[in-house]
Amino acid sequence: MENKECLECGEIVKGRVDKKFCSDYCRNSYNNKVNKDSKNLIRNINNRLRKNHKILSELNISGKTKVTRTRLYDKGFDFQFFTSIYKTKTGNTYFYIYDEGYLALENETFLLIKRDS
């Protein structure tokens, strides 16, 4: 039987034949290094979505309200990040960040709505 080395630290791996790491720590450390770039991208996008969701939920306490573009920008809202788009039969386009949505109205005003869970 051939001794296999841990892909992370080089220690001899004991146990199953297909085992690649000597411990959970080494497995996690190895995978974190391998996925670092994609995880940073995902983490940054999720943080942006979380911030947008928080802004909408703070401004829309009643479940339906109007707010100006300036007010959203002042809070740090980023219109490039949303989780889904809903188009109505009448042609309105709602943008959602999870359950919080907005619809562009005239005069730089937005209707904020909360989708029923």
Protein backbone atom coordinates (compact mmCIF):
# COMPACT_ATOMS: atom_id res chain seq x y z
CA MET A 1 0.00 0.00 0.00
CA GLU A 2 1.29 3.42 -1.01
CA ASN A 3 1.45 6.27 1.52
CA LYS A 4 -0.45 9.33 0.30
CA GLU A 5 0.48 12.86 1.33
CA CYS A 6 -1.99 15.52 2.42
CA LEU A 7 -2.54 18.00 -0.44
CA GLU A 8 -2.26 20.90 2.03
CA CYS A 9 0.51 20.13 4.53
CA GLY A 10 2.27 17.07 3.09
CA GLU A 11 1.69 14.85 6.14
CA ILE A 12 0.95 11.17 5.57
CA VAL A 13 -2.80 10.59 5.15
CA LYS A 14 -4.27 7.72 7.15
CA GLY A 15 -7.67 6.17 6.57
CA ARG A 16 -9.71 5.61 3.44
CA VAL A 17 -7.94 4.96 0.14
CA ASP A 18 -9.52 8.00 -1.53
CA LYS A 19 -8.76 10.40 1.34
CA LYS A 20 -6.78 13.49 0.23
CA PHE A 21 -6.28 15.44 3.47
CA CYS A 22 -5.04 14.57 6.93
CA SER A 23 -7.66 16.71 8.71
CA ASP A 24 -10.72 18.90 8.24
CA TYR A 25 -8.49 21.92 8.90
CA CYS A 26 -6.21 21.04 5.96
CA ARG A 27 -9.20 20.29 3.68
CA ASN A 28 -10.82 23.64 4.51
CA SER A 29 -7.54 25.53 4.19
CA TYR A 30 -6.81 23.97 0.79
CA ASN A 31 -10.31 24.63 -0.57
CA ASN A 32 -10.30 28.22 0.72
CA LYS A 33 -7.06 28.89 -1.18
CA VAL A 34 -8.38 27.26 -4.36
CA ASN A 35 -11.68 29.17 -4.29
CA LYS A 36 -10.39 32.50 -2.96
CA ASP A 37 -10.95 34.61 -6.10
CA SER A 38 -14.46 33.36 -6.84
CA LYS A 39 -15.41 33.54 -3.16
CA ASN A 40 -14.31 37.19 -2.96
CA LEU A 41 -16.47 38.03 -5.97
CA ILE A 42 -19.47 36.22 -4.52
CA ARG A 43 -18.91 37.75 -1.08
CA ASN A 44 -18.75 41.27 -2.54
CA ILE A 45 -21.93 40.75 -4.58
CA ASN A 46 -23.78 39.30 -1.59
CA ASN A 47 -22.67 42.24 0.57
CA ARG A 48 -23.95 44.68 -2.08
CA LEU A 49 -27.30 42.81 -2.29
CA ARG A 50 -27.58 42.73 1.50
CA LYS A 51 -26.97 46.50 1.69
CA ASN A 52 -29.54 47.22 -1.05
CA HIS A 53 -32.10 45.01 0.73
CA LYS A 54 -31.47 46.76 4.03
CA ILE A 55 -31.94 50.21 2.44
CA LEU A 56 -35.23 49.22 0.82
CA SER A 57 -36.59 47.58 3.98
CA GLU A 58 -35.64 50.63 6.11
CA LEU A 59 -37.34 53.04 3.70
CA ASN A 60 -40.39 50.83 3.14
CA ILE A 61 -41.75 50.16 6.62
CA SER A 62 -45.42 50.07 5.57
CA GLY A 63 -44.93 47.62 2.68
CA LYS A 64 -45.66 50.20 -0.03
CA THR A 65 -44.21 53.71 -0.27
CA LYS A 66 -42.67 56.24 -2.65
CA VAL A 67 -39.13 57.56 -2.50
CA THR A 68 -36.87 59.69 -4.69
CA ARG A 69 -33.80 58.47 -6.56
CA THR A 70 -31.71 60.98 -4.59
CA ARG A 71 -32.86 59.49 -1.28
CA LEU A 72 -31.87 56.00 -2.46
CA TYR A 73 -28.47 57.23 -3.69
CA ASP A 74 -27.87 59.13 -0.45
CA LYS A 75 -28.38 55.90 1.49
CA GLY A 76 -25.87 54.12 -0.79
CA PHE A 77 -28.30 52.14 -2.95
CA ASP A 78 -26.72 50.59 -6.07
CA PHE A 79 -29.17 50.06 -8.94
CA GLN A 80 -26.85 47.54 -10.64
CA PHE A 81 -27.50 44.85 -8.02
CA PHE A 82 -30.83 43.03 -7.79
CA THR A 83 -31.94 39.41 -7.62
CA SER A 84 -34.89 39.31 -10.04
CA ILE A 85 -37.03 41.27 -12.48
CA TYR A 86 -40.81 41.05 -12.75
CA LYS A 87 -42.60 42.46 -15.79
CA THR A 88 -46.34 43.02 -15.54
CA LYS A 89 -48.84 42.57 -18.37
CA THR A 90 -49.16 46.36 -18.52
CA GLY A 91 -45.43 46.73 -19.19
CA ASN A 92 -44.21 47.82 -15.76
CA THR A 93 -40.83 46.44 -14.71
CA TYR A 94 -40.25 45.75 -11.01
CA PHE A 95 -36.73 45.05 -9.76
CA TYR A 96 -36.40 42.91 -6.64
CA ILE A 97 -33.73 42.32 -4.06
CA TYR A 98 -35.15 39.14 -2.58
CA ASP A 99 -38.58 40.24 -1.26
CA GLU A 100 -38.05 44.01 -1.48
CA GLY A 101 -38.86 45.59 -4.83
CA TYR A 102 -38.98 48.91 -6.62
CA LEU A 103 -40.65 50.34 -9.70
CA ALA A 104 -39.41 53.46 -11.49
CA LEU A 105 -42.12 56.11 -11.73
CA GLU A 106 -41.93 59.53 -13.37
CA ASN A 107 -39.88 62.46 -12.00
CA GLU A 108 -37.07 60.31 -10.55
CA THR A 109 -39.48 58.72 -8.07
CA PHE A 110 -39.70 55.04 -7.16
CA LEU A 111 -42.48 52.95 -5.72
CA LEU A 112 -41.10 50.59 -3.08
CA ILE A 113 -43.04 47.40 -2.45
CA LYS A 114 -42.62 44.29 -0.36
CA ARG A 115 -43.53 40.98 -2.00
CA ASP A 116 -45.74 38.67 0.04
CA SER A 117 -43.75 35.76 1.41
